[in-house]
Amino acid sequence: MKYKNRVRSRISNLKDAKNPNLRRNVLSGAIELSKFANMTAEEMASDEMKNLRNMLTQEAIREHQMAKTGGTATDLFQCAKCKKKNCTYNQVQTRSADEPMTTFVLCNECGNRWKVCQLDCTVVLRYWEPENFQIHK
């Protein structure tokens, strides 16, 4: 059954009026028959179809990333992968309440994700003198 499907796929791609280059390349010998027999549907596709698939893939990636981002845009973080500062971040309390929040960062350029687990540097600790404390009985 698998063999029949592969043969049908090859015949269909050779007959495709929108893909004359494949037929021309096979008939002229530019694509060897052994290579043609093992080509995937993506490899046999016309340039128009390859561009359409690539565009749809990129759109699906963007939609997937948008669905997971809903955070705050910032340039405070630099992506280790692409070195750009176009990021979005979310802060979530992933540990106990007395621990700092975890910051999840998404690079809007390349899609790289990472998390930052560190103390918030803006917290100011105040030290009170013992005489300022009053004990109510």
Protein backbone atom coordinates (compact mmCIF):
# COMPACT_ATOMS: atom_id res chain seq x y z
CA MET A 1 0.00 0.00 0.00
CA LYS A 2 2.83 2.42 0.86
CA TYR A 3 4.44 1.74 -2.54
CA LYS A 4 1.20 2.54 -4.41
CA ASN A 5 0.79 5.82 -2.53
CA ARG A 6 4.35 6.87 -3.38
CA VAL A 7 3.81 6.06 -7.08
CA ARG A 8 0.53 8.02 -7.11
CA SER A 9 2.27 10.96 -5.46
CA ARG A 10 5.04 10.98 -8.10
CA ILE A 11 2.55 10.76 -10.98
CA SER A 12 0.39 13.51 -9.50
CA ASN A 13 3.39 15.81 -9.05
CA LEU A 14 4.64 15.14 -12.60
CA LYS A 15 1.17 15.94 -14.03
CA ASP A 16 0.79 19.13 -11.99
CA ALA A 17 0.39 22.00 -14.48
CA LYS A 18 1.59 24.48 -11.83
CA ASN A 19 4.88 22.60 -11.47
CA PRO A 20 6.43 22.31 -14.96
CA ASN A 21 9.98 22.58 -13.57
CA LEU A 22 9.75 19.20 -11.83
CA ARG A 23 8.63 17.46 -15.02
CA ARG A 24 11.30 19.26 -17.08
CA ASN A 25 14.07 18.41 -14.59
CA VAL A 26 13.11 14.73 -14.42
CA LEU A 27 12.85 14.38 -18.23
CA SER A 28 16.13 16.22 -18.86
CA GLY A 29 17.98 14.17 -16.26
CA ALA A 30 18.71 17.15 -13.99
CA ILE A 31 17.00 15.13 -11.25
CA GLU A 32 18.16 11.52 -11.24
CA LEU A 33 15.43 8.90 -11.12
CA SER A 34 16.85 7.38 -7.94
CA LYS A 35 16.68 10.79 -6.26
CA PHE A 36 13.17 11.42 -7.66
CA ALA A 37 11.99 8.09 -6.25
CA ASN A 38 13.03 9.17 -2.74
CA MET A 39 11.94 12.83 -2.85
CA THR A 40 9.43 14.05 -0.29
CA ALA A 41 6.28 15.96 -1.21
CA GLU A 42 7.97 19.15 0.03
CA GLU A 43 10.96 18.58 -2.27
CA MET A 44 8.72 17.96 -5.31
CA ALA A 45 6.52 21.00 -4.66
CA SER A 46 6.59 23.98 -6.99
CA ASP A 47 8.33 27.18 -5.90
CA GLU A 48 4.91 28.79 -5.48
CA MET A 49 3.78 25.98 -3.17
CA LYS A 50 7.06 26.11 -1.19
CA ASN A 51 6.61 29.87 -0.67
CA LEU A 52 2.99 29.39 0.38
CA ARG A 53 3.93 26.65 2.87
CA ASN A 54 6.76 28.78 4.26
CA MET A 55 4.44 31.77 4.66
CA LEU A 56 1.79 29.66 6.41
CA THR A 57 4.43 28.14 8.71
CA GLN A 58 5.76 31.58 9.68
CA GLU A 59 2.22 32.84 10.30
CA ALA A 60 1.44 29.81 12.49
CA ILE A 61 4.62 30.41 14.49
CA ARG A 62 3.71 34.08 15.03
CA GLU A 63 0.17 33.18 16.10
CA HIS A 64 1.49 30.52 18.48
CA GLN A 65 3.90 32.99 20.05
CA MET A 66 1.24 35.69 20.29
CA ALA A 67 -1.11 33.30 22.06
CA LYS A 68 1.46 32.68 24.76
CA THR A 69 2.56 36.26 25.16
CA GLY A 70 0.36 38.74 26.84
CA GLY A 71 3.11 40.24 28.83
CA THR A 72 4.84 43.57 28.85
CA ALA A 73 7.10 44.71 26.03
CA THR A 74 10.54 45.81 27.21
CA ASP A 75 14.11 46.45 26.15
CA LEU A 76 15.56 45.65 29.58
CA PHE A 77 16.49 42.08 28.64
CA GLN A 78 18.94 41.04 25.92
CA CYS A 79 18.42 37.74 24.13
CA ALA A 80 21.44 35.45 24.41
CA LYS A 81 20.59 33.89 21.06
CA CYS A 82 20.13 36.87 18.69
CA LYS A 83 21.50 39.66 20.96
CA LYS A 84 18.42 41.85 20.35
CA LYS A 85 16.52 43.66 23.12
CA ASN A 86 12.99 43.37 21.71
CA CYS A 87 11.42 41.23 24.44
CA THR A 88 8.17 40.59 26.26
CA TYR A 89 8.06 39.43 29.87
CA ASN A 90 5.61 38.03 32.41
CA GLN A 91 6.13 37.69 36.14
CA VAL A 92 4.62 34.74 37.96
CA GLN A 93 4.79 33.61 41.57
CA THR A 94 6.06 30.06 41.03
CA ARG A 95 7.40 29.42 44.51
CA SER A 96 6.30 30.30 48.02
CA ALA A 97 5.07 33.82 48.73
CA ASP A 98 8.25 34.86 50.55
CA GLU A 99 10.36 34.06 47.47
CA PRO A 100 10.79 36.52 44.59
CA MET A 101 8.64 36.23 41.50
CA THR A 102 9.95 34.34 38.46
CA THR A 103 10.22 36.41 35.29
CA PHE A 104 9.55 34.61 32.01
CA VAL A 105 11.04 36.41 29.00
CA LEU A 106 10.27 35.91 25.30
CA CYS A 107 12.44 37.38 22.55
CA ASN A 108 10.07 38.87 19.98
CA GLU A 109 12.74 38.62 17.27
CA CYS A 110 13.78 34.95 17.34
CA GLY A 111 11.28 33.34 19.75
CA ASN A 112 13.91 32.32 22.31
CA ARG A 113 12.49 31.88 25.82
CA TRP A 114 14.18 31.97 29.20
CA LYS A 115 13.39 32.64 32.83
CA VAL A 116 14.98 34.95 35.33
CA CYS A 117 14.93 34.00 39.01
CA GLN A 118 16.54 36.75 41.02
CA LEU A 119 15.77 39.15 43.81
CA ASP A 120 14.12 42.42 42.93
CA CYS A 121 16.82 45.08 43.33
CA THR A 122 14.28 47.84 43.98
CA VAL A 123 13.29 46.46 47.36
CA VAL A 124 14.56 48.69 50.11
CA LEU A 125 15.09 47.06 53.48
CA ARG A 126 14.61 49.27 56.46
CA TYR A 127 16.24 48.50 59.75
CA TRP A 128 14.26 49.62 62.75
CA GLU A 129 15.77 50.39 66.07
CA PRO A 130 14.38 48.27 68.93
CA GLU A 131 13.04 51.34 70.76
CA ASN A 132 10.69 52.04 67.83
CA PHE A 133 8.80 48.81 68.44
CA GLN A 134 5.94 48.89 70.93
CA ILE A 135 4.48 45.78 72.42
CA HIS A 136 0.77 46.01 73.23
CA LYS A 137 -0.47 43.84 76.06
